Amino acid sequence: MSKTHKFATNINCGGCIAKVTPFINAVEVIETWSVDTTNPQKILTVQTATDSPEQVVEAVKKAGFKIEPLS
């Protein structure tokens, strides 16, 4: 069963998305993901196979971006 996680990030343009893509795609538990760059918080929405968002946070930070889980 998929779990949806939302994060505030500083991924704010197509270039940023291109930079973070290989890092996010390398996380095996991620099924789908998208970034709403029109939202002031630059919301990253991720569907994962697990309830644990830590791997997503780690991947985005490795790519050089800020990320905060939203409640």
Protein backbone atom coordinates (compact mmCIF):
# COMPACT_ATOMS: atom_id res chain seq x y z
CA MET A 1 0.00 0.00 0.00
CA SER A 2 1.40 3.39 -1.02
CA LYS A 3 2.00 6.20 1.40
CA THR A 4 2.05 9.89 0.39
CA HIS A 5 4.65 12.21 1.89
CA LYS A 6 4.83 15.98 1.38
CA PHE A 7 7.87 18.16 1.95
CA ALA A 8 8.72 21.86 1.74
CA THR A 9 11.86 22.27 -0.39
CA ASN A 10 13.91 24.86 -2.25
CA ILE A 11 13.60 22.96 -5.57
CA ASN A 12 12.31 25.93 -7.54
CA CYS A 13 12.93 25.47 -11.27
CA GLY A 14 13.37 22.96 -14.06
CA GLY A 15 17.13 23.00 -13.59
CA CYS A 16 16.72 22.12 -9.91
CA ILE A 17 14.33 19.30 -10.81
CA ALA A 18 16.83 17.97 -13.35
CA LYS A 19 19.58 18.05 -10.69
CA VAL A 20 17.54 16.23 -8.01
CA THR A 21 15.93 13.65 -10.36
CA PRO A 22 18.76 11.04 -10.37
CA PHE A 23 18.98 11.21 -6.56
CA ILE A 24 15.24 10.71 -6.04
CA ASN A 25 14.97 8.07 -8.74
CA ALA A 26 17.75 6.08 -7.03
CA VAL A 27 15.54 5.56 -3.94
CA GLU A 28 13.90 2.19 -4.55
CA VAL A 29 10.86 2.72 -2.31
CA ILE A 30 9.73 5.81 -4.28
CA GLU A 31 6.94 4.97 -6.72
CA THR A 32 6.16 8.48 -8.05
CA TRP A 33 7.11 12.03 -7.18
CA SER A 34 6.52 15.60 -8.30
CA VAL A 35 7.43 19.15 -7.26
CA ASP A 36 4.94 22.03 -7.29
CA THR A 37 7.29 24.90 -8.17
CA THR A 38 4.35 27.35 -8.26
CA ASN A 39 3.71 26.85 -4.53
CA PRO A 40 5.74 29.23 -2.31
CA GLN A 41 6.92 26.21 -0.27
CA LYS A 42 7.98 24.30 -3.45
CA ILE A 43 6.08 21.21 -2.30
CA LEU A 44 7.63 17.84 -3.13
CA THR A 45 4.99 15.11 -3.12
CA VAL A 46 6.28 11.54 -3.01
CA GLN A 47 4.43 8.21 -3.17
CA THR A 48 6.44 5.51 -1.43
CA ALA A 49 6.04 1.82 -0.77
CA THR A 50 6.90 2.39 2.90
CA ASP A 51 5.83 4.72 5.68
CA SER A 52 9.39 5.95 6.19
CA PRO A 53 10.30 9.30 4.54
CA GLU A 54 13.92 9.33 5.75
CA GLN A 55 15.31 7.98 2.46
CA VAL A 56 13.58 10.79 0.55
CA VAL A 57 15.01 13.44 2.88
CA GLU A 58 18.49 11.93 2.58
CA ALA A 59 18.34 11.82 -1.25
CA VAL A 60 17.20 15.44 -1.59
CA LYS A 61 19.87 16.66 0.86
CA LYS A 62 22.52 14.66 -1.06
CA ALA A 63 21.46 16.54 -4.20
CA GLY A 64 22.16 19.80 -2.36
CA PHE A 65 18.64 20.98 -1.57
CA LYS A 66 16.79 21.85 1.61
CA ILE A 67 13.84 19.67 2.61
CA GLU A 68 11.43 19.76 5.55
CA PRO A 69 8.61 17.26 6.13
CA LEU A 70 5.13 18.81 6.22
CA SER A 71 2.68 17.52 8.79
